[in-house]
Each structure stands twice: as structure tokens, then as C-alpha cells.
Amino acid sequence: MTTTRTRTALALLVAVAAALAGCSSAPGGTDAPPGAAEAGGDATAAPQLTGEVVVLAAASLSEVFTQLGERFEQENPGATVTFGFGASSALAQQVRAGAPADLLATANTSTMEQVADLTGTPEVFATNTLQIAVPAGNPGGVTGVEDFADPDRTLALCAAEVPCGSAAAEMFAAAGVVPQPDTYEKDVSATLTKVVLGEVDAAVVYRTDVIAAGDAVEGVDVPEDVDVVNDYPVAVLADAPNPEAAAAFRDLVLSVVGAEALEAAGFVVS
């Protein structure tokens, strides 16, 4: 009798265990190990960005965009960022000529408008203002905008067709000054180099360029009533070979991280 009761109890235990096992099985009868749902979620995660993304950007963005490019590559090991820095007008010409690029960032909105039919919707990500750059120690004794009318000083300006040149022309017009430059340079980087090398007494560049040059130059402020503010727009090119990576880099520029890097470089981010 005892043996029969024992066998009956064992049978009940086996039945209960089987029922519990059935309840813990995944649909379809396949057992799902702990964490299977979380692991399955990884399969639907966005794929890593890969390939090359070519960014054409104004010369004044060289330092900060290079920093952002390094961060972008760290976050996307399968992607590489290739930069083409130069005068915004020259970059727009490259885009118009069909250069195989993904993203364009210019130092003013009017240059971006020249290729409006070849880009997505531009977004302004920062602003910049002008500043007079002089060699360390200011050997030419330059104190302000009016000194650019002095033919006895050696002076440099950006070419009129590039954003820093057109902004300088607007500034001089507002100040009632007729500048007497000795050289017009192809972009703001070339203009600043003249100051760094001590080849000119002064040049008009962007505030961010003076900051980037460090101790090699000093800055002389432009009066607020004649200063010019340049908006910097960025846009993905319509025929971008790598549009996903281009959009991701644009988003990085527009992000909080991008804003912090830009502000550290001297740009103003609203």
C-alpha cells in the first residue's frame, strides 16, 4: 500500500514538472533562454555607418571640423571622414562641377544659395564675426579699422569673392574706410598665414581664426556698429555617394556635442 502511494505521488510530481516546463516554453514549443528577447533586440538595431564621407567645408572650420571628424570615426569604426577645406566660393564651384562629395558647409548663406538646387535644405549651425589679426607684439601698431586706409602699412585681406572678403568689404563700407591692402588671399587661412609669418602688419579674418592661431597672433576688435555677422549653413548634397553618413555627420555638427566644440573654437551657437 505504501509503495502504491509513493508511486502515485511521484507520478503527480512528474506531471506538475512537465506542466511547468510547458508554461516556460517559448511559443511554438521552443525553449527561450533568459535574455533571448534582449539579444533579439540587437538584431533590429541600426547598422553601423560605413564607408567614406566627403565633407567640403569653409577654411575657418578646419580645426573644429577635424575634431568632430575624429569623434565621428571613433563612434563609427567602419566609416572614414575626408575633408576638403577652402574658400566657400571655390567649394561651391566644385559642387557645381560635380565633385563627388557628401556634405557642404559654407561661411555664409549666400554661397550656399548658389548651389541650392544641388543640396538638401541647409541648416545654420553657427555664426562668426570679424576681427583684425596682427603679429604677436603688434609691431605695426594697428589699433582699428581705420588703419587699413594707411598705405604705409602692409595689409592683407581675403579675396572679395570669398565670405571673409565680402564681409570685410561690408565692414569697411559701414566704417567709411577705403582699405589699401597689399595682397588679397584666396581664403581666410591663407590670409591668416600672412600674419603668422609676420609678412603683414594686419589682416581681417574671423574671430575664430585669431583664437586658433594662439600666441602667434593678437586680435584687435572691430567696433560692434560696423562688425559683420556671418551665418554658417550645412547641407547634405543631393547626389551624395554616402547620404546616410553625410546626414549623421550633419547631425553631429548640429548636436550638443557639436555646439560645445564650435563654442570652444569661438563660434556662436544659438
C-alpha atoms as a PDB file:
ATOM      1  CA  MET A   1       0.000   0.000   0.000  1.00  0.00           C
ATOM      2  CA  THR A   2       2.818   2.366   0.881  1.00  0.00           C
ATOM      3  CA  THR A   3       4.543   1.552  -2.415  1.00  0.00           C
ATOM      4  CA  THR A   4       1.407   2.361  -4.401  1.00  0.00           C
ATOM      5  CA  ARG A   5       1.005   5.745  -2.655  1.00  0.00           C
ATOM      6  CA  THR A   6       4.654   6.578  -3.260  1.00  0.00           C
ATOM      7  CA  ARG A   7       4.340   5.776  -6.960  1.00  0.00           C
ATOM      8  CA  THR A   8       1.205   7.891  -7.206  1.00  0.00           C
ATOM      9  CA  ALA A   9       2.916  10.874  -5.572  1.00  0.00           C
ATOM     10  CA  LEU A  10       5.896  10.536  -7.865  1.00  0.00           C
ATOM     11  CA  ALA A  11       3.592  10.454 -10.887  1.00  0.00           C
ATOM     12  CA  LEU A  12       1.892  13.649  -9.748  1.00  0.00           C
ATOM     13  CA  LEU A  13       5.238  15.365  -9.269  1.00  0.00           C
ATOM     14  CA  VAL A  14       6.345  14.422 -12.776  1.00  0.00           C
ATOM     15  CA  ALA A  15       3.069  15.721 -14.234  1.00  0.00           C
ATOM     16  CA  VAL A  16       3.398  19.054 -12.423  1.00  0.00           C
ATOM     17  CA  ALA A  17       7.025  19.436 -13.561  1.00  0.00           C
ATOM     18  CA  ALA A  18       6.002  18.756 -17.153  1.00  0.00           C
ATOM     19  CA  ALA A  19       3.216  21.332 -16.956  1.00  0.00           C
ATOM     20  CA  LEU A  20       5.584  23.949 -15.564  1.00  0.00           C
ATOM     21  CA  ALA A  21       8.107  23.231 -18.304  1.00  0.00           C
ATOM     22  CA  GLY A  22       5.356  23.715 -20.900  1.00  0.00           C
ATOM     23  CA  CYS A  23       4.438  27.083 -19.419  1.00  0.00           C
ATOM     24  CA  SER A  24       8.046  28.317 -19.617  1.00  0.00           C
ATOM     25  CA  SER A  25       8.498  27.282 -23.245  1.00  0.00           C
ATOM     26  CA  ALA A  26       8.539  29.928 -25.978  1.00  0.00           C
ATOM     27  CA  PRO A  27       5.669  29.990 -28.486  1.00  0.00           C
ATOM     28  CA  GLY A  28       5.903  27.053 -30.844  1.00  0.00           C
ATOM     29  CA  GLY A  29       7.342  24.813 -28.165  1.00  0.00           C
ATOM     30  CA  THR A  30      10.913  26.102 -28.365  1.00  0.00           C
ATOM     31  CA  ASP A  31      12.517  26.916 -25.051  1.00  0.00           C
ATOM     32  CA  ALA A  32      13.710  30.532 -24.806  1.00  0.00           C
ATOM     33  CA  PRO A  33      16.768  31.001 -22.583  1.00  0.00           C
ATOM     34  CA  PRO A  34      16.916  34.022 -20.283  1.00  0.00           C
ATOM     35  CA  GLY A  35      17.897  37.191 -22.128  1.00  0.00           C
ATOM     36  CA  ALA A  36      16.768  35.904 -25.521  1.00  0.00           C
ATOM     37  CA  ALA A  37      14.395  38.850 -26.016  1.00  0.00           C
ATOM     38  CA  GLU A  38      17.149  41.374 -25.294  1.00  0.00           C
ATOM     39  CA  ALA A  39      19.530  39.600 -27.643  1.00  0.00           C
ATOM     40  CA  GLY A  40      16.868  39.522 -30.317  1.00  0.00           C
ATOM     41  CA  GLY A  41      16.521  43.293 -29.969  1.00  0.00           C
ATOM     42  CA  ASP A  42      20.126  43.765 -31.097  1.00  0.00           C
ATOM     43  CA  ALA A  43      19.277  42.238 -34.438  1.00  0.00           C
ATOM     44  CA  THR A  44      16.953  45.143 -35.223  1.00  0.00           C
ATOM     45  CA  ALA A  45      19.395  47.866 -34.079  1.00  0.00           C
ATOM     46  CA  ALA A  46      20.525  50.439 -36.638  1.00  0.00           C
ATOM     47  CA  PRO A  47      23.577  49.202 -38.584  1.00  0.00           C
ATOM     48  CA  GLN A  48      26.937  50.871 -38.083  1.00  0.00           C
ATOM     49  CA  LEU A  49      27.765  53.577 -40.616  1.00  0.00           C
ATOM     50  CA  THR A  50      30.451  52.521 -43.063  1.00  0.00           C
ATOM     51  CA  GLY A  51      32.400  53.868 -45.994  1.00  0.00           C
ATOM     52  CA  GLU A  52      33.883  57.259 -46.760  1.00  0.00           C
ATOM     53  CA  VAL A  53      32.019  60.518 -46.185  1.00  0.00           C
ATOM     54  CA  VAL A  54      33.481  63.514 -48.030  1.00  0.00           C
ATOM     55  CA  VAL A  55      32.908  66.858 -46.323  1.00  0.00           C
ATOM     56  CA  LEU A  56      33.594  70.145 -48.095  1.00  0.00           C
ATOM     57  CA  ALA A  57      33.860  72.943 -45.523  1.00  0.00           C
ATOM     58  CA  ALA A  58      34.918  76.574 -45.248  1.00  0.00           C
ATOM     59  CA  ALA A  59      38.557  77.094 -44.304  1.00  0.00           C
ATOM     60  CA  SER A  60      37.561  78.700 -40.996  1.00  0.00           C
ATOM     61  CA  LEU A  61      36.035  75.359 -39.951  1.00  0.00           C
ATOM     62  CA  SER A  62      39.254  73.385 -40.412  1.00  0.00           C
ATOM     63  CA  GLU A  63      40.157  72.891 -36.761  1.00  0.00           C
ATOM     64  CA  VAL A  64      36.736  72.245 -35.263  1.00  0.00           C
ATOM     65  CA  PHE A  65      35.505  70.011 -38.092  1.00  0.00           C
ATOM     66  CA  THR A  66      38.686  67.947 -37.915  1.00  0.00           C
ATOM     67  CA  GLN A  67      37.971  67.366 -34.221  1.00  0.00           C
ATOM     68  CA  LEU A  68      34.391  66.361 -34.975  1.00  0.00           C
ATOM     69  CA  GLY A  69      35.605  64.087 -37.749  1.00  0.00           C
ATOM     70  CA  GLU A  70      37.844  62.222 -35.327  1.00  0.00           C
ATOM     71  CA  ARG A  71      34.927  61.763 -32.944  1.00  0.00           C
ATOM     72  CA  PHE A  72      32.703  60.576 -35.790  1.00  0.00           C
ATOM     73  CA  GLU A  73      35.239  57.916 -36.780  1.00  0.00           C
ATOM     74  CA  GLN A  74      35.608  56.742 -33.178  1.00  0.00           C
ATOM     75  CA  GLU A  75      31.840  56.286 -32.928  1.00  0.00           C
ATOM     76  CA  ASN A  76      31.667  54.623 -36.367  1.00  0.00           C
ATOM     77  CA  PRO A  77      34.791  52.445 -36.790  1.00  0.00           C
ATOM     78  CA  GLY A  78      33.701  51.392 -40.271  1.00  0.00           C
ATOM     79  CA  ALA A  79      33.493  54.963 -41.567  1.00  0.00           C
ATOM     80  CA  THR A  80      36.151  57.480 -42.588  1.00  0.00           C
ATOM     81  CA  VAL A  81      35.779  61.237 -42.976  1.00  0.00           C
ATOM     82  CA  THR A  82      37.676  63.006 -45.743  1.00  0.00           C
ATOM     83  CA  PHE A  83      37.735  66.803 -45.647  1.00  0.00           C
ATOM     84  CA  GLY A  84      38.181  69.387 -48.341  1.00  0.00           C
ATOM     85  CA  PHE A  85      38.741  72.794 -46.743  1.00  0.00           C
ATOM     86  CA  GLY A  86      38.889  76.028 -48.701  1.00  0.00           C
ATOM     87  CA  ALA A  87      37.140  79.201 -49.711  1.00  0.00           C
ATOM     88  CA  SER A  88      33.372  78.702 -49.684  1.00  0.00           C
ATOM     89  CA  SER A  89      33.094  80.106 -53.208  1.00  0.00           C
ATOM     90  CA  ALA A  90      35.633  77.575 -54.514  1.00  0.00           C
ATOM     91  CA  LEU A  91      33.811  74.732 -52.747  1.00  0.00           C
ATOM     92  CA  ALA A  92      30.515  75.795 -54.314  1.00  0.00           C
ATOM     93  CA  GLN A  93      32.205  75.721 -57.720  1.00  0.00           C
ATOM     94  CA  GLN A  94      33.420  72.184 -57.020  1.00  0.00           C
ATOM     95  CA  VAL A  95      29.886  71.106 -56.152  1.00  0.00           C
ATOM     96  CA  ARG A  96      28.564  72.778 -59.290  1.00  0.00           C
ATOM     97  CA  ALA A  97      31.203  70.925 -61.308  1.00  0.00           C
ATOM     98  CA  GLY A  98      30.025  67.584 -59.919  1.00  0.00           C
ATOM     99  CA  ALA A  99      32.680  66.873 -57.293  1.00  0.00           C
ATOM    100  CA  PRO A 100      31.904  63.521 -55.567  1.00  0.00           C
ATOM    101  CA  ALA A 101      31.160  64.961 -52.128  1.00  0.00           C
ATOM    102  CA  ASP A 102      28.553  64.232 -49.473  1.00  0.00           C
ATOM    103  CA  LEU A 103      28.239  67.352 -47.323  1.00  0.00           C
ATOM    104  CA  LEU A 104      28.837  71.092 -47.760  1.00  0.00           C
ATOM    105  CA  ALA A 105      29.362  73.700 -45.021  1.00  0.00           C
ATOM    106  CA  THR A 106      29.940  77.314 -46.033  1.00  0.00           C
ATOM    107  CA  ALA A 107      30.871  80.509 -44.210  1.00  0.00           C
ATOM    108  CA  ASN A 108      27.820  82.411 -45.388  1.00  0.00           C
ATOM    109  CA  THR A 109      24.330  81.692 -46.647  1.00  0.00           C
ATOM    110  CA  SER A 110      24.690  83.447 -49.999  1.00  0.00           C
ATOM    111  CA  THR A 111      27.350  80.975 -51.128  1.00  0.00           C
ATOM    112  CA  MET A 112      25.168  78.032 -50.129  1.00  0.00           C
ATOM    113  CA  GLU A 113      22.325  79.575 -52.134  1.00  0.00           C
ATOM    114  CA  GLN A 114      24.479  79.345 -55.257  1.00  0.00           C
ATOM    115  CA  VAL A 115      24.091  75.547 -55.147  1.00  0.00           C
ATOM    116  CA  ALA A 116      20.583  75.387 -53.690  1.00  0.00           C
ATOM    117  CA  ASP A 117      19.452  73.068 -56.488  1.00  0.00           C
ATOM    118  CA  LEU A 118      22.191  70.576 -55.606  1.00  0.00           C
ATOM    119  CA  THR A 119      21.643  70.265 -51.856  1.00  0.00           C
ATOM    120  CA  GLY A 120      19.060  69.340 -49.314  1.00  0.00           C
ATOM    121  CA  THR A 121      17.669  72.003 -47.010  1.00  0.00           C
ATOM    122  CA  PRO A 122      20.566  73.922 -45.402  1.00  0.00           C
ATOM    123  CA  GLU A 123      20.598  74.446 -41.648  1.00  0.00           C
ATOM    124  CA  VAL A 124      22.530  77.257 -39.943  1.00  0.00           C
ATOM    125  CA  PHE A 125      24.678  75.777 -37.173  1.00  0.00           C
ATOM    126  CA  ALA A 126      26.839  78.728 -36.048  1.00  0.00           C
ATOM    127  CA  THR A 127      27.755  82.362 -36.570  1.00  0.00           C
ATOM    128  CA  ASN A 128      31.131  84.098 -36.748  1.00  0.00           C
ATOM    129  CA  THR A 129      32.351  87.684 -36.624  1.00  0.00           C
ATOM    130  CA  LEU A 130      35.348  89.575 -37.979  1.00  0.00           C
ATOM    131  CA  GLN A 131      38.490  90.519 -36.103  1.00  0.00           C
ATOM    132  CA  ILE A 132      41.747  92.213 -37.048  1.00  0.00           C
ATOM    133  CA  ALA A 133      44.735  89.891 -36.680  1.00  0.00           C
ATOM    134  CA  VAL A 134      48.201  91.316 -36.043  1.00  0.00           C
ATOM    135  CA  PRO A 135      51.523  89.555 -35.400  1.00  0.00           C
ATOM    136  CA  ALA A 136      52.474  88.936 -31.770  1.00  0.00           C
ATOM    137  CA  GLY A 137      53.521  92.206 -30.206  1.00  0.00           C
ATOM    138  CA  ASN A 138      51.642  94.216 -32.860  1.00  0.00           C
ATOM    139  CA  PRO A 139      54.799  95.684 -34.442  1.00  0.00           C
ATOM    140  CA  GLY A 140      52.735  97.759 -36.886  1.00  0.00           C
ATOM    141  CA  GLY A 141      50.860  99.493 -34.093  1.00  0.00           C
ATOM    142  CA  VAL A 142      47.462  98.693 -35.608  1.00  0.00           C
ATOM    143  CA  THR A 143      44.597  99.859 -33.419  1.00  0.00           C
ATOM    144  CA  GLY A 144      41.498  99.664 -35.582  1.00  0.00           C
ATOM    145  CA  VAL A 145      39.708  99.500 -38.916  1.00  0.00           C
ATOM    146  CA  GLU A 146      40.885 102.970 -39.962  1.00  0.00           C
ATOM    147  CA  ASP A 147      44.491 101.759 -40.102  1.00  0.00           C
ATOM    148  CA  PHE A 148      43.619  99.765 -43.231  1.00  0.00           C
ATOM    149  CA  ALA A 149      43.476 103.055 -45.134  1.00  0.00           C
ATOM    150  CA  ASP A 150      47.162 103.702 -44.356  1.00  0.00           C
ATOM    151  CA  PRO A 151      49.305 102.978 -47.465  1.00  0.00           C
ATOM    152  CA  ASP A 152      52.432 102.851 -45.298  1.00  0.00           C
ATOM    153  CA  ARG A 153      51.232  99.699 -43.553  1.00  0.00           C
ATOM    154  CA  THR A 154      51.439  96.226 -45.087  1.00  0.00           C
ATOM    155  CA  LEU A 155      47.940  94.751 -45.083  1.00  0.00           C
ATOM    156  CA  ALA A 156      46.147  91.591 -46.202  1.00  0.00           C
ATOM    157  CA  LEU A 157      42.512  90.868 -46.982  1.00  0.00           C
ATOM    158  CA  CYS A 158      40.606  87.853 -48.231  1.00  0.00           C
ATOM    159  CA  ALA A 159      39.648  87.940 -51.899  1.00  0.00           C
ATOM    160  CA  ALA A 160      36.382  89.776 -52.479  1.00  0.00           C
ATOM    161  CA  GLU A 161      34.570  86.687 -53.777  1.00  0.00           C
ATOM    162  CA  VAL A 162      35.070  84.631 -50.594  1.00  0.00           C
ATOM    163  CA  PRO A 163      32.916  85.152 -47.459  1.00  0.00           C
ATOM    164  CA  CYS A 164      35.622  86.743 -45.295  1.00  0.00           C
ATOM    165  CA  GLY A 165      36.416  89.137 -48.143  1.00  0.00           C
ATOM    166  CA  SER A 166      32.823  90.161 -48.789  1.00  0.00           C
ATOM    167  CA  ALA A 167      32.251  90.587 -45.044  1.00  0.00           C
ATOM    168  CA  ALA A 168      35.363  92.792 -44.785  1.00  0.00           C
ATOM    169  CA  ALA A 169      34.150  94.919 -47.699  1.00  0.00           C
ATOM    170  CA  GLU A 170      30.822  95.373 -45.931  1.00  0.00           C
ATOM    171  CA  MET A 171      32.624  96.323 -42.725  1.00  0.00           C
ATOM    172  CA  PHE A 172      34.818  98.927 -44.433  1.00  0.00           C
ATOM    173  CA  ALA A 173      31.806 100.416 -46.204  1.00  0.00           C
ATOM    174  CA  ALA A 174      29.967 100.755 -42.888  1.00  0.00           C
ATOM    175  CA  ALA A 175      33.043 102.383 -41.322  1.00  0.00           C
ATOM    176  CA  GLY A 176      33.578 104.759 -44.244  1.00  0.00           C
ATOM    177  CA  VAL A 177      37.095 103.396 -44.780  1.00  0.00           C
ATOM    178  CA  VAL A 178      38.727 102.750 -48.173  1.00  0.00           C
ATOM    179  CA  PRO A 179      41.232  99.951 -47.498  1.00  0.00           C
ATOM    180  CA  GLN A 180      44.688  99.887 -49.089  1.00  0.00           C
ATOM    181  CA  PRO A 181      45.614  96.174 -48.974  1.00  0.00           C
ATOM    182  CA  ASP A 182      48.898  94.901 -50.343  1.00  0.00           C
ATOM    183  CA  THR A 183      47.525  91.443 -51.033  1.00  0.00           C
ATOM    184  CA  TYR A 184      44.239  89.628 -51.486  1.00  0.00           C
ATOM    185  CA  GLU A 185      44.448  85.980 -50.411  1.00  0.00           C
ATOM    186  CA  LYS A 186      42.422  83.017 -51.692  1.00  0.00           C
ATOM    187  CA  ASP A 187      40.796  82.199 -48.321  1.00  0.00           C
ATOM    188  CA  VAL A 188      40.891  83.099 -44.656  1.00  0.00           C
ATOM    189  CA  SER A 189      43.560  80.510 -43.817  1.00  0.00           C
ATOM    190  CA  ALA A 190      45.960  81.965 -46.371  1.00  0.00           C
ATOM    191  CA  THR A 191      45.195  85.470 -45.112  1.00  0.00           C
ATOM    192  CA  LEU A 192      45.923  84.481 -41.516  1.00  0.00           C
ATOM    193  CA  THR A 193      49.168  82.784 -42.558  1.00  0.00           C
ATOM    194  CA  LYS A 194      50.475  86.144 -43.773  1.00  0.00           C
ATOM    195  CA  VAL A 195      50.054  87.435 -40.215  1.00  0.00           C
ATOM    196  CA  VAL A 196      51.512  84.346 -38.544  1.00  0.00           C
ATOM    197  CA  LEU A 197      54.640  84.637 -40.721  1.00  0.00           C
ATOM    198  CA  GLY A 198      54.960  88.336 -39.975  1.00  0.00           C
ATOM    199  CA  GLU A 199      54.635  89.249 -43.642  1.00  0.00           C
ATOM    200  CA  VAL A 200      51.921  91.852 -42.991  1.00  0.00           C
ATOM    201  CA  ASP A 201      51.120  94.311 -40.229  1.00  0.00           C
ATOM    202  CA  ALA A 202      47.480  93.255 -40.101  1.00  0.00           C
ATOM    203  CA  ALA A 203      44.716  91.298 -41.797  1.00  0.00           C
ATOM    204  CA  VAL A 204      40.977  90.980 -41.454  1.00  0.00           C
ATOM    205  CA  VAL A 205      39.962  87.417 -40.583  1.00  0.00           C
ATOM    206  CA  TYR A 206      37.385  85.754 -38.350  1.00  0.00           C
ATOM    207  CA  ARG A 207      37.486  85.828 -34.588  1.00  0.00           C
ATOM    208  CA  THR A 208      37.777  82.035 -34.600  1.00  0.00           C
ATOM    209  CA  ASP A 209      40.956  82.215 -36.700  1.00  0.00           C
ATOM    210  CA  VAL A 210      42.634  84.505 -34.187  1.00  0.00           C
ATOM    211  CA  ILE A 211      41.752  82.056 -31.411  1.00  0.00           C
ATOM    212  CA  ALA A 212      43.032  79.082 -33.415  1.00  0.00           C
ATOM    213  CA  ALA A 213      46.382  80.799 -34.091  1.00  0.00           C
ATOM    214  CA  GLY A 214      47.112  81.037 -30.376  1.00  0.00           C
ATOM    215  CA  ASP A 215      50.142  83.068 -29.315  1.00  0.00           C
ATOM    216  CA  ALA A 216      51.311  83.566 -32.908  1.00  0.00           C
ATOM    217  CA  VAL A 217      48.897  86.464 -33.388  1.00  0.00           C
ATOM    218  CA  GLU A 218      46.905  89.017 -31.439  1.00  0.00           C
ATOM    219  CA  GLY A 219      43.379  90.223 -32.083  1.00  0.00           C
ATOM    220  CA  VAL A 220      42.143  93.787 -32.423  1.00  0.00           C
ATOM    221  CA  ASP A 221      38.380  94.028 -32.065  1.00  0.00           C
ATOM    222  CA  VAL A 222      36.173  95.517 -34.732  1.00  0.00           C
ATOM    223  CA  PRO A 223      33.660  98.110 -33.438  1.00  0.00           C
ATOM    224  CA  GLU A 224      30.292  96.488 -32.912  1.00  0.00           C
ATOM    225  CA  ASP A 225      28.475  99.058 -35.039  1.00  0.00           C
ATOM    226  CA  VAL A 226      30.441  98.088 -38.162  1.00  0.00           C
ATOM    227  CA  ASP A 227      31.050  94.398 -37.466  1.00  0.00           C
ATOM    228  CA  VAL A 228      29.513  91.788 -39.755  1.00  0.00           C
ATOM    229  CA  VAL A 229      27.960  88.512 -38.593  1.00  0.00           C
ATOM    230  CA  ASN A 230      28.268  85.518 -40.915  1.00  0.00           C
ATOM    231  CA  ASP A 231      25.816  82.617 -40.691  1.00  0.00           C
ATOM    232  CA  TYR A 232      27.308  79.175 -41.339  1.00  0.00           C
ATOM    233  CA  PRO A 233      24.930  76.701 -43.039  1.00  0.00           C
ATOM    234  CA  VAL A 234      25.436  72.959 -43.633  1.00  0.00           C
ATOM    235  CA  ALA A 235      23.602  70.719 -46.107  1.00  0.00           C
ATOM    236  CA  VAL A 236      23.739  67.173 -47.456  1.00  0.00           C
ATOM    237  CA  LEU A 237      24.348  67.150 -51.203  1.00  0.00           C
ATOM    238  CA  ALA A 238      21.508  65.785 -53.321  1.00  0.00           C
ATOM    239  CA  ASP A 239      23.790  63.307 -55.113  1.00  0.00           C
ATOM    240  CA  ALA A 240      25.817  62.331 -52.050  1.00  0.00           C
ATOM    241  CA  PRO A 241      27.504  58.931 -52.581  1.00  0.00           C
ATOM    242  CA  ASN A 242      27.075  58.181 -48.858  1.00  0.00           C
ATOM    243  CA  PRO A 243      23.917  60.064 -47.802  1.00  0.00           C
ATOM    244  CA  GLU A 244      23.418  58.144 -44.527  1.00  0.00           C
ATOM    245  CA  ALA A 245      26.888  59.001 -43.246  1.00  0.00           C
ATOM    246  CA  ALA A 246      26.546  62.569 -44.535  1.00  0.00           C
ATOM    247  CA  ALA A 247      23.307  63.031 -42.611  1.00  0.00           C
ATOM    248  CA  ALA A 248      24.905  61.554 -39.497  1.00  0.00           C
ATOM    249  CA  PHE A 249      27.858  63.954 -39.676  1.00  0.00           C
ATOM    250  CA  ARG A 250      25.471  66.873 -40.201  1.00  0.00           C
ATOM    251  CA  ASP A 251      23.531  65.745 -37.130  1.00  0.00           C
ATOM    252  CA  LEU A 252      26.776  65.646 -35.133  1.00  0.00           C
ATOM    253  CA  VAL A 253      27.515  69.237 -36.134  1.00  0.00           C
ATOM    254  CA  LEU A 254      24.000  70.250 -35.065  1.00  0.00           C
ATOM    255  CA  SER A 255      24.118  68.271 -31.800  1.00  0.00           C
ATOM    256  CA  VAL A 256      25.009  69.421 -28.293  1.00  0.00           C
ATOM    257  CA  VAL A 257      28.450  67.877 -28.785  1.00  0.00           C
ATOM    258  CA  GLY A 258      28.907  69.841 -31.991  1.00  0.00           C
ATOM    259  CA  ALA A 259      27.736  73.049 -30.330  1.00  0.00           C
ATOM    260  CA  GLU A 260      30.231  72.615 -27.495  1.00  0.00           C
ATOM    261  CA  ALA A 261      33.105  72.103 -29.943  1.00  0.00           C
ATOM    262  CA  LEU A 262      32.069  75.106 -32.015  1.00  0.00           C
ATOM    263  CA  GLU A 263      31.729  77.371 -28.986  1.00  0.00           C
ATOM    264  CA  ALA A 264      35.141  76.261 -27.720  1.00  0.00           C
ATOM    265  CA  ALA A 265      36.563  77.336 -31.096  1.00  0.00           C
ATOM    266  CA  GLY A 266      34.980  80.784 -30.768  1.00  0.00           C
ATOM    267  CA  PHE A 267      31.856  80.370 -32.858  1.00  0.00           C
ATOM    268  CA  VAL A 268      28.467  81.466 -31.543  1.00  0.00           C
ATOM    269  CA  VAL A 269      25.767  78.799 -31.424  1.00  0.00           C
ATOM    270  CA  SER A 270      22.197  79.855 -30.738  1.00  0.00           C
END
